Amino acid sequence: MSEIKRAVIMAAGFGSRLRPLTLATPKPLIRVQGKVIIERMIEALLQNGMEEIVVVVGYKKEAFAYLAERYREVSLVENPYYNSCNNISSLYAAREFLCSAVVAEADLIVENSGIFENSVDLSGYLAVKNPHPAEWSLRTENGVITACSMEGGAGDHQLLGISKWNESDGEKLKNLAVDYFEKRKIRDIYWDQIPLFLEKDQFTMRVYEISPQDVTEIDTPEDLIKLDRSYTDYFKEVRQ
């Protein structure tokens, strides 16, 4: 068991499903219940001893600059490919920071900072129990991930966009990011497809089980309104 002291937050995307709100504000910088989404995550990471937090930016990158001023542990890394490639480009941009790291999507509302407890043995994904078929379902055996379905296949857990990587697996992931993105020029895949599908034999990963109440993903206007009713009138108006 070792300690993780670094986190990578993927914040380069367009947030297109929340347009027109995200035409002015990148999704990770939207306020929910009075708190900026990514700030809530950063503070949860800091509470768990993270000494370095790398935010991968692309869309409206200038809007994130204040984070490095507000939090001394935060630095920004630019993904210059965000508008033409899938999120494998963000993994590639952050490739030097993947060893002994938490990797998290930036559009998650963290309600329980304890999910970022910074110990790691096997690399793996934070996930919730899921008895019904769902996207990105993980099948496990004795806690170890044995299969994944992107399209809604049966699985006993569902991943949530947060993973932990020990030193050796982080190095593998770095090398594979270079191999797929730089050498093979494969630009249209989700980065998680590499460890969960394309190169799964190179990794032994486990599930770090959390409660459904610990993390909420904001993907649609309905997701946002459910968490913060102040957006109800805004989306009513733009739909008229």
C-alpha atoms as a PDB file:
ATOM      1  CA  MET A   1       0.000   0.000   0.000  1.00  0.00           C
ATOM      2  CA  SER A   2       1.372   3.412  -0.959  1.00  0.00           C
ATOM      3  CA  GLU A   3       0.194   7.016  -0.736  1.00  0.00           C
ATOM      4  CA  ILE A   4      -0.990   9.156  -3.615  1.00  0.00           C
ATOM      5  CA  LYS A   5       0.078  12.795  -3.436  1.00  0.00           C
ATOM      6  CA  ARG A   6      -0.967  13.964  -6.919  1.00  0.00           C
ATOM      7  CA  ALA A   7      -4.211  14.413  -8.814  1.00  0.00           C
ATOM      8  CA  VAL A   8      -5.039  15.098 -12.454  1.00  0.00           C
ATOM      9  CA  ILE A   9      -8.371  16.761 -13.236  1.00  0.00           C
ATOM     10  CA  MET A  10      -9.597  16.525 -16.841  1.00  0.00           C
ATOM     11  CA  ALA A  11     -11.270  19.868 -17.627  1.00  0.00           C
ATOM     12  CA  ALA A  12     -10.627  20.446 -21.342  1.00  0.00           C
ATOM     13  CA  GLY A  13     -14.033  19.579 -22.836  1.00  0.00           C
ATOM     14  CA  PHE A  14     -16.798  21.732 -24.305  1.00  0.00           C
ATOM     15  CA  GLY A  15     -19.653  20.686 -21.999  1.00  0.00           C
ATOM     16  CA  SER A  16     -21.855  20.847 -25.081  1.00  0.00           C
ATOM     17  CA  ARG A  17     -24.893  19.179 -23.503  1.00  0.00           C
ATOM     18  CA  LEU A  18     -25.285  22.159 -21.179  1.00  0.00           C
ATOM     19  CA  ARG A  19     -25.295  24.771 -23.923  1.00  0.00           C
ATOM     20  CA  PRO A  20     -26.030  27.654 -24.031  1.00  0.00           C
ATOM     21  CA  LEU A  21     -24.878  27.884 -20.405  1.00  0.00           C
ATOM     22  CA  THR A  22     -21.418  26.614 -21.301  1.00  0.00           C
ATOM     23  CA  LEU A  23     -21.000  29.029 -24.197  1.00  0.00           C
ATOM     24  CA  ALA A  24     -19.966  31.578 -21.578  1.00  0.00           C
ATOM     25  CA  THR A  25     -18.734  29.358 -18.728  1.00  0.00           C
ATOM     26  CA  PRO A  26     -16.850  26.048 -18.994  1.00  0.00           C
ATOM     27  CA  LYS A  27     -18.834  23.321 -17.259  1.00  0.00           C
ATOM     28  CA  PRO A  28     -16.292  22.761 -14.434  1.00  0.00           C
ATOM     29  CA  LEU A  29     -16.598  26.451 -13.517  1.00  0.00           C
ATOM     30  CA  ILE A  30     -20.376  26.474 -13.172  1.00  0.00           C
ATOM     31  CA  ARG A  31     -21.655  27.208  -9.681  1.00  0.00           C
ATOM     32  CA  VAL A  32     -23.832  24.531  -8.084  1.00  0.00           C
ATOM     33  CA  GLN A  33     -25.400  25.341  -4.729  1.00  0.00           C
ATOM     34  CA  GLY A  34     -23.140  28.378  -4.513  1.00  0.00           C
ATOM     35  CA  LYS A  35     -19.854  26.527  -5.131  1.00  0.00           C
ATOM     36  CA  VAL A  36     -17.827  26.181  -8.336  1.00  0.00           C
ATOM     37  CA  ILE A  37     -17.790  22.504  -9.361  1.00  0.00           C
ATOM     38  CA  ILE A  38     -14.038  22.156  -9.811  1.00  0.00           C
ATOM     39  CA  GLU A  39     -13.250  24.124  -6.640  1.00  0.00           C
ATOM     40  CA  ARG A  40     -15.320  21.657  -4.646  1.00  0.00           C
ATOM     41  CA  MET A  41     -13.221  18.827  -6.115  1.00  0.00           C
ATOM     42  CA  ILE A  42      -9.913  20.606  -5.553  1.00  0.00           C
ATOM     43  CA  GLU A  43     -10.739  21.253  -1.910  1.00  0.00           C
ATOM     44  CA  ALA A  44     -11.781  17.633  -1.402  1.00  0.00           C
ATOM     45  CA  LEU A  45      -8.451  16.501  -2.868  1.00  0.00           C
ATOM     46  CA  LEU A  46      -6.513  18.889  -0.631  1.00  0.00           C
ATOM     47  CA  GLN A  47      -8.323  17.543   2.419  1.00  0.00           C
ATOM     48  CA  ASN A  48      -6.828  14.160   1.549  1.00  0.00           C
ATOM     49  CA  GLY A  49      -3.221  15.297   1.398  1.00  0.00           C
ATOM     50  CA  MET A  50      -2.761  15.996  -2.304  1.00  0.00           C
ATOM     51  CA  GLU A  51       0.376  18.082  -2.780  1.00  0.00           C
ATOM     52  CA  GLU A  52       0.042  18.595  -6.543  1.00  0.00           C
ATOM     53  CA  ILE A  53      -3.129  19.047  -8.593  1.00  0.00           C
ATOM     54  CA  VAL A  54      -2.803  19.281 -12.367  1.00  0.00           C
ATOM     55  CA  VAL A  55      -5.817  20.641 -14.250  1.00  0.00           C
ATOM     56  CA  VAL A  56      -5.898  19.795 -17.952  1.00  0.00           C
ATOM     57  CA  VAL A  57      -7.518  22.696 -19.794  1.00  0.00           C
ATOM     58  CA  GLY A  58      -8.567  23.382 -23.370  1.00  0.00           C
ATOM     59  CA  TYR A  59     -11.944  25.016 -24.009  1.00  0.00           C
ATOM     60  CA  LYS A  60     -11.873  28.574 -22.617  1.00  0.00           C
ATOM     61  CA  LYS A  61      -8.571  27.779 -20.935  1.00  0.00           C
ATOM     62  CA  GLU A  62      -8.083  31.374 -19.767  1.00  0.00           C
ATOM     63  CA  ALA A  63     -11.092  31.058 -17.455  1.00  0.00           C
ATOM     64  CA  PHE A  64      -9.207  28.516 -15.331  1.00  0.00           C
ATOM     65  CA  ALA A  65      -6.129  30.692 -14.726  1.00  0.00           C
ATOM     66  CA  TYR A  66      -7.390  31.965 -11.361  1.00  0.00           C
ATOM     67  CA  LEU A  67      -7.231  28.450  -9.897  1.00  0.00           C
ATOM     68  CA  ALA A  68      -3.436  28.456  -9.936  1.00  0.00           C
ATOM     69  CA  GLU A  69      -3.491  31.778  -8.096  1.00  0.00           C
ATOM     70  CA  ARG A  70      -6.068  30.690  -5.516  1.00  0.00           C
ATOM     71  CA  TYR A  71      -4.551  27.280  -4.751  1.00  0.00           C
ATOM     72  CA  ARG A  72      -0.757  26.981  -4.558  1.00  0.00           C
ATOM     73  CA  GLU A  73      -0.963  23.224  -5.254  1.00  0.00           C
ATOM     74  CA  VAL A  74      -2.729  23.740  -8.602  1.00  0.00           C
ATOM     75  CA  SER A  75      -1.040  24.041 -11.994  1.00  0.00           C
ATOM     76  CA  LEU A  76      -2.575  24.062 -15.465  1.00  0.00           C
ATOM     77  CA  VAL A  77      -1.579  21.891 -18.424  1.00  0.00           C
ATOM     78  CA  GLU A  78      -2.966  22.741 -21.838  1.00  0.00           C
ATOM     79  CA  ASN A  79      -4.533  20.183 -24.145  1.00  0.00           C
ATOM     80  CA  PRO A  80      -4.177  21.823 -27.580  1.00  0.00           C
ATOM     81  CA  TYR A  81      -6.088  18.965 -29.246  1.00  0.00           C
ATOM     82  CA  TYR A  82      -9.329  19.271 -27.249  1.00  0.00           C
ATOM     83  CA  ASN A  83     -11.407  20.565 -30.167  1.00  0.00           C
ATOM     84  CA  SER A  84     -10.455  17.821 -32.631  1.00  0.00           C
ATOM     85  CA  CYS A  85      -9.815  14.693 -30.538  1.00  0.00           C
ATOM     86  CA  ASN A  86     -11.541  12.599 -27.906  1.00  0.00           C
ATOM     87  CA  ASN A  87     -10.342  12.696 -24.304  1.00  0.00           C
ATOM     88  CA  ILE A  88      -7.361  10.450 -25.028  1.00  0.00           C
ATOM     89  CA  SER A  89      -5.819  13.805 -25.916  1.00  0.00           C
ATOM     90  CA  SER A  90      -6.166  14.962 -22.299  1.00  0.00           C
ATOM     91  CA  LEU A  91      -4.476  11.780 -21.069  1.00  0.00           C
ATOM     92  CA  TYR A  92      -1.651  12.456 -23.501  1.00  0.00           C
ATOM     93  CA  ALA A  93      -1.372  16.072 -22.344  1.00  0.00           C
ATOM     94  CA  ALA A  94      -1.114  14.885 -18.715  1.00  0.00           C
ATOM     95  CA  ARG A  95       1.118  11.893 -19.421  1.00  0.00           C
ATOM     96  CA  GLU A  96       3.981  13.064 -17.185  1.00  0.00           C
ATOM     97  CA  PHE A  97       1.705  13.201 -14.131  1.00  0.00           C
ATOM     98  CA  LEU A  98       0.043   9.772 -14.128  1.00  0.00           C
ATOM     99  CA  CYS A  99       2.302   7.856 -11.738  1.00  0.00           C
ATOM    100  CA  SER A 100       0.854   7.526  -8.232  1.00  0.00           C
ATOM    101  CA  ALA A 101      -2.078   9.760  -9.112  1.00  0.00           C
ATOM    102  CA  VAL A 102      -5.817  10.199  -8.916  1.00  0.00           C
ATOM    103  CA  VAL A 103      -7.340  10.967 -12.324  1.00  0.00           C
ATOM    104  CA  ALA A 104     -10.787  12.579 -12.267  1.00  0.00           C
ATOM    105  CA  GLU A 105     -13.245  14.138 -14.674  1.00  0.00           C
ATOM    106  CA  ALA A 106     -13.957  17.769 -13.774  1.00  0.00           C
ATOM    107  CA  ASP A 107     -17.767  17.679 -14.062  1.00  0.00           C
ATOM    108  CA  LEU A 108     -18.389  15.680 -10.889  1.00  0.00           C
ATOM    109  CA  ILE A 109     -20.028  17.083  -7.767  1.00  0.00           C
ATOM    110  CA  VAL A 110     -18.091  15.627  -4.841  1.00  0.00           C
ATOM    111  CA  GLU A 111     -20.304  15.350  -1.770  1.00  0.00           C
ATOM    112  CA  ASN A 112     -17.950  13.180   0.293  1.00  0.00           C
ATOM    113  CA  SER A 113     -14.296  14.201   0.337  1.00  0.00           C
ATOM    114  CA  GLY A 114     -13.420  10.807   1.821  1.00  0.00           C
ATOM    115  CA  ILE A 115     -13.605   9.213  -1.621  1.00  0.00           C
ATOM    116  CA  PHE A 116     -10.170  10.706  -2.283  1.00  0.00           C
ATOM    117  CA  GLU A 117      -8.526   8.813   0.578  1.00  0.00           C
ATOM    118  CA  ASN A 118      -5.014   8.688  -0.772  1.00  0.00           C
ATOM    119  CA  SER A 119      -3.842   5.110  -0.297  1.00  0.00           C
ATOM    120  CA  VAL A 120      -3.528   2.746  -3.246  1.00  0.00           C
ATOM    121  CA  ASP A 121      -2.498  -0.868  -3.679  1.00  0.00           C
ATOM    122  CA  LEU A 122      -3.914  -2.040  -6.996  1.00  0.00           C
ATOM    123  CA  SER A 123      -4.843   0.656  -9.470  1.00  0.00           C
ATOM    124  CA  GLY A 124      -8.566   0.932 -10.033  1.00  0.00           C
ATOM    125  CA  TYR A 125     -11.771   2.860 -10.500  1.00  0.00           C
ATOM    126  CA  LEU A 126     -14.119   4.396  -7.981  1.00  0.00           C
ATOM    127  CA  ALA A 127     -17.498   2.831  -8.679  1.00  0.00           C
ATOM    128  CA  VAL A 128     -20.944   2.292  -7.232  1.00  0.00           C
ATOM    129  CA  LYS A 129     -22.926  -0.908  -6.891  1.00  0.00           C
ATOM    130  CA  ASN A 130     -25.157  -1.230  -9.932  1.00  0.00           C
ATOM    131  CA  PRO A 131     -27.505  -4.220 -10.224  1.00  0.00           C
ATOM    132  CA  HIS A 132     -28.976  -2.975 -13.523  1.00  0.00           C
ATOM    133  CA  PRO A 133     -27.338  -2.712 -16.948  1.00  0.00           C
ATOM    134  CA  ALA A 134     -25.760   0.722 -17.434  1.00  0.00           C
ATOM    135  CA  GLU A 135     -23.101   2.462 -19.489  1.00  0.00           C
ATOM    136  CA  TRP A 136     -19.533   1.818 -18.391  1.00  0.00           C
ATOM    137  CA  SER A 137     -20.495  -1.159 -16.265  1.00  0.00           C
ATOM    138  CA  LEU A 138     -17.723  -3.117 -14.608  1.00  0.00           C
ATOM    139  CA  ARG A 139     -17.849  -6.809 -13.846  1.00  0.00           C
ATOM    140  CA  THR A 140     -15.692  -7.852 -10.925  1.00  0.00           C
ATOM    141  CA  GLU A 141     -14.510 -10.997  -9.229  1.00  0.00           C
ATOM    142  CA  ASN A 142     -13.320 -10.701  -5.637  1.00  0.00           C
ATOM    143  CA  GLY A 143     -13.145  -6.953  -6.177  1.00  0.00           C
ATOM    144  CA  VAL A 144     -10.887  -7.191  -9.247  1.00  0.00           C
ATOM    145  CA  ILE A 145     -12.203  -5.842 -12.563  1.00  0.00           C
ATOM    146  CA  THR A 146     -12.639  -8.649 -15.084  1.00  0.00           C
ATOM    147  CA  ALA A 147     -14.700  -6.950 -17.827  1.00  0.00           C
ATOM    148  CA  CYS A 148     -16.278  -3.662 -18.838  1.00  0.00           C
ATOM    149  CA  SER A 149     -19.232  -2.710 -21.032  1.00  0.00           C
ATOM    150  CA  MET A 150     -19.499   0.779 -22.528  1.00  0.00           C
ATOM    151  CA  GLU A 151     -22.947   0.301 -24.041  1.00  0.00           C
ATOM    152  CA  GLY A 152     -25.015  -0.820 -21.096  1.00  0.00           C
ATOM    153  CA  GLY A 153     -24.128  -4.445 -20.535  1.00  0.00           C
ATOM    154  CA  ALA A 154     -24.675  -6.186 -17.251  1.00  0.00           C
ATOM    155  CA  GLY A 155     -22.150  -5.427 -14.559  1.00  0.00           C
ATOM    156  CA  ASP A 156     -22.071  -5.265 -10.788  1.00  0.00           C
ATOM    157  CA  HIS A 157     -20.490  -1.788 -10.607  1.00  0.00           C
ATOM    158  CA  GLN A 158     -20.618   1.426 -12.622  1.00  0.00           C
ATOM    159  CA  LEU A 159     -17.574   3.642 -12.926  1.00  0.00           C
ATOM    160  CA  LEU A 160     -17.860   7.354 -12.228  1.00  0.00           C
ATOM    161  CA  GLY A 161     -14.911   9.018 -13.909  1.00  0.00           C
ATOM    162  CA  ILE A 162     -12.438   8.792 -11.027  1.00  0.00           C
ATOM    163  CA  SER A 163      -9.523   6.378 -10.931  1.00  0.00           C
ATOM    164  CA  LYS A 164      -6.388   5.715  -8.871  1.00  0.00           C
ATOM    165  CA  TRP A 165      -3.057   4.723 -10.389  1.00  0.00           C
ATOM    166  CA  ASN A 166      -0.077   3.278  -8.575  1.00  0.00           C
ATOM    167  CA  GLU A 167       3.423   4.095  -9.752  1.00  0.00           C
ATOM    168  CA  SER A 168       3.994   1.125 -12.056  1.00  0.00           C
ATOM    169  CA  ASP A 169       0.573   1.251 -13.719  1.00  0.00           C
ATOM    170  CA  GLY A 170       0.825   5.014 -14.099  1.00  0.00           C
ATOM    171  CA  GLU A 171       4.074   4.517 -15.999  1.00  0.00           C
ATOM    172  CA  LYS A 172       2.386   1.936 -18.240  1.00  0.00           C
ATOM    173  CA  LEU A 173      -0.499   4.305 -18.861  1.00  0.00           C
ATOM    174  CA  LYS A 174       1.906   7.098 -19.758  1.00  0.00           C
ATOM    175  CA  ASN A 175       3.734   4.900 -22.282  1.00  0.00           C
ATOM    176  CA  LEU A 176       0.466   3.701 -23.794  1.00  0.00           C
ATOM    177  CA  ALA A 177      -0.789   7.278 -24.133  1.00  0.00           C
ATOM    178  CA  VAL A 178       2.313   8.076 -26.153  1.00  0.00           C
ATOM    179  CA  ASP A 179       1.955   4.877 -28.177  1.00  0.00           C
ATOM    180  CA  TYR A 180      -1.710   5.354 -29.096  1.00  0.00           C
ATOM    181  CA  PHE A 181      -1.871   9.118 -29.489  1.00  0.00           C
ATOM    182  CA  GLU A 182       1.564  10.074 -30.753  1.00  0.00           C
ATOM    183  CA  LYS A 183       2.830   6.997 -32.580  1.00  0.00           C
ATOM    184  CA  ARG A 184      -0.343   5.297 -33.822  1.00  0.00           C
ATOM    185  CA  LYS A 185      -2.236   8.586 -34.268  1.00  0.00           C
ATOM    186  CA  ILE A 186      -5.359   7.143 -32.635  1.00  0.00           C
ATOM    187  CA  ARG A 187      -7.260  10.231 -31.562  1.00  0.00           C
ATOM    188  CA  ASP A 188     -10.949   9.241 -31.392  1.00  0.00           C
ATOM    189  CA  ILE A 189     -11.161   6.995 -28.328  1.00  0.00           C
ATOM    190  CA  TYR A 190     -11.943   7.549 -24.671  1.00  0.00           C
ATOM    191  CA  TRP A 191      -8.742   7.158 -22.695  1.00  0.00           C
ATOM    192  CA  ASP A 192     -10.342   4.615 -20.352  1.00  0.00           C
ATOM    193  CA  GLN A 193     -10.664   2.247 -23.304  1.00  0.00           C
ATOM    194  CA  ILE A 194      -6.918   1.679 -23.111  1.00  0.00           C
ATOM    195  CA  PRO A 195      -6.738   0.035 -19.654  1.00  0.00           C
ATOM    196  CA  LEU A 196     -10.271  -1.416 -19.712  1.00  0.00           C
ATOM    197  CA  PHE A 197     -10.376  -2.823 -23.261  1.00  0.00           C
ATOM    198  CA  LEU A 198      -7.445  -2.358 -25.610  1.00  0.00           C
ATOM    199  CA  GLU A 199      -4.627  -3.177 -23.191  1.00  0.00           C
ATOM    200  CA  LYS A 200      -6.516  -4.751 -20.298  1.00  0.00           C
ATOM    201  CA  ASP A 201      -4.076  -7.670 -20.065  1.00  0.00           C
ATOM    202  CA  GLN A 202      -1.402  -5.216 -18.943  1.00  0.00           C
ATOM    203  CA  PHE A 203      -3.349  -4.134 -15.873  1.00  0.00           C
ATOM    204  CA  THR A 204      -4.795  -5.770 -12.771  1.00  0.00           C
ATOM    205  CA  MET A 205      -7.297  -3.268 -11.397  1.00  0.00           C
ATOM    206  CA  ARG A 206      -9.814  -3.240  -8.622  1.00  0.00           C
ATOM    207  CA  VAL A 207     -13.001  -1.398  -7.727  1.00  0.00           C
ATOM    208  CA  TYR A 208     -12.908   1.177  -4.951  1.00  0.00           C
ATOM    209  CA  GLU A 209     -16.570   1.056  -3.980  1.00  0.00           C
ATOM    210  CA  ILE A 210     -18.310   4.277  -2.955  1.00  0.00           C
ATOM    211  CA  SER A 211     -21.912   5.293  -2.260  1.00  0.00           C
ATOM    212  CA  PRO A 212     -24.178   6.739  -4.993  1.00  0.00           C
ATOM    213  CA  GLN A 213     -24.552   9.804  -2.760  1.00  0.00           C
ATOM    214  CA  ASP A 214     -20.810  10.481  -2.702  1.00  0.00           C
ATOM    215  CA  VAL A 215     -20.498  11.762  -6.279  1.00  0.00           C
ATOM    216  CA  THR A 216     -22.966  13.140  -8.813  1.00  0.00           C
ATOM    217  CA  GLU A 217     -22.189  13.635 -12.502  1.00  0.00           C
ATOM    218  CA  ILE A 218     -23.658  16.665 -14.240  1.00  0.00           C
ATOM    219  CA  ASP A 219     -24.245  15.720 -17.844  1.00  0.00           C
ATOM    220  CA  THR A 220     -27.559  17.323 -18.823  1.00  0.00           C
ATOM    221  CA  PRO A 221     -29.665  20.352 -17.847  1.00  0.00           C
ATOM    222  CA  GLU A 222     -31.909  17.983 -15.903  1.00  0.00           C
ATOM    223  CA  ASP A 223     -28.921  16.791 -13.852  1.00  0.00           C
ATOM    224  CA  LEU A 224     -28.039  20.389 -13.047  1.00  0.00           C
ATOM    225  CA  ILE A 225     -31.579  21.412 -12.139  1.00  0.00           C
ATOM    226  CA  LYS A 226     -31.963  18.397  -9.858  1.00  0.00           C
ATOM    227  CA  LEU A 227     -29.007  19.641  -7.814  1.00  0.00           C
ATOM    228  CA  ASP A 228     -29.685  23.359  -8.063  1.00  0.00           C
ATOM    229  CA  ARG A 229     -33.243  24.552  -8.719  1.00  0.00           C
ATOM    230  CA  SER A 230     -32.014  28.082  -9.460  1.00  0.00           C
ATOM    231  CA  TYR A 231     -31.278  26.921 -13.020  1.00  0.00           C
ATOM    232  CA  THR A 232     -34.912  25.950 -13.698  1.00  0.00           C
ATOM    233  CA  ASP A 233     -36.017  29.292 -15.120  1.00  0.00           C
ATOM    234  CA  TYR A 234     -32.820  29.715 -17.119  1.00  0.00           C
ATOM    235  CA  PHE A 235     -33.342  26.516 -19.100  1.00  0.00           C
ATOM    236  CA  LYS A 236     -37.067  27.175 -19.470  1.00  0.00           C
ATOM    237  CA  GLU A 237     -36.280  30.508 -21.107  1.00  0.00           C
ATOM    238  CA  VAL A 238     -33.633  29.215 -23.503  1.00  0.00           C
ATOM    239  CA  ARG A 239     -35.922  26.404 -24.652  1.00  0.00           C
ATOM    240  CA  GLN A 240     -38.746  28.774 -25.572  1.00  0.00           C
END
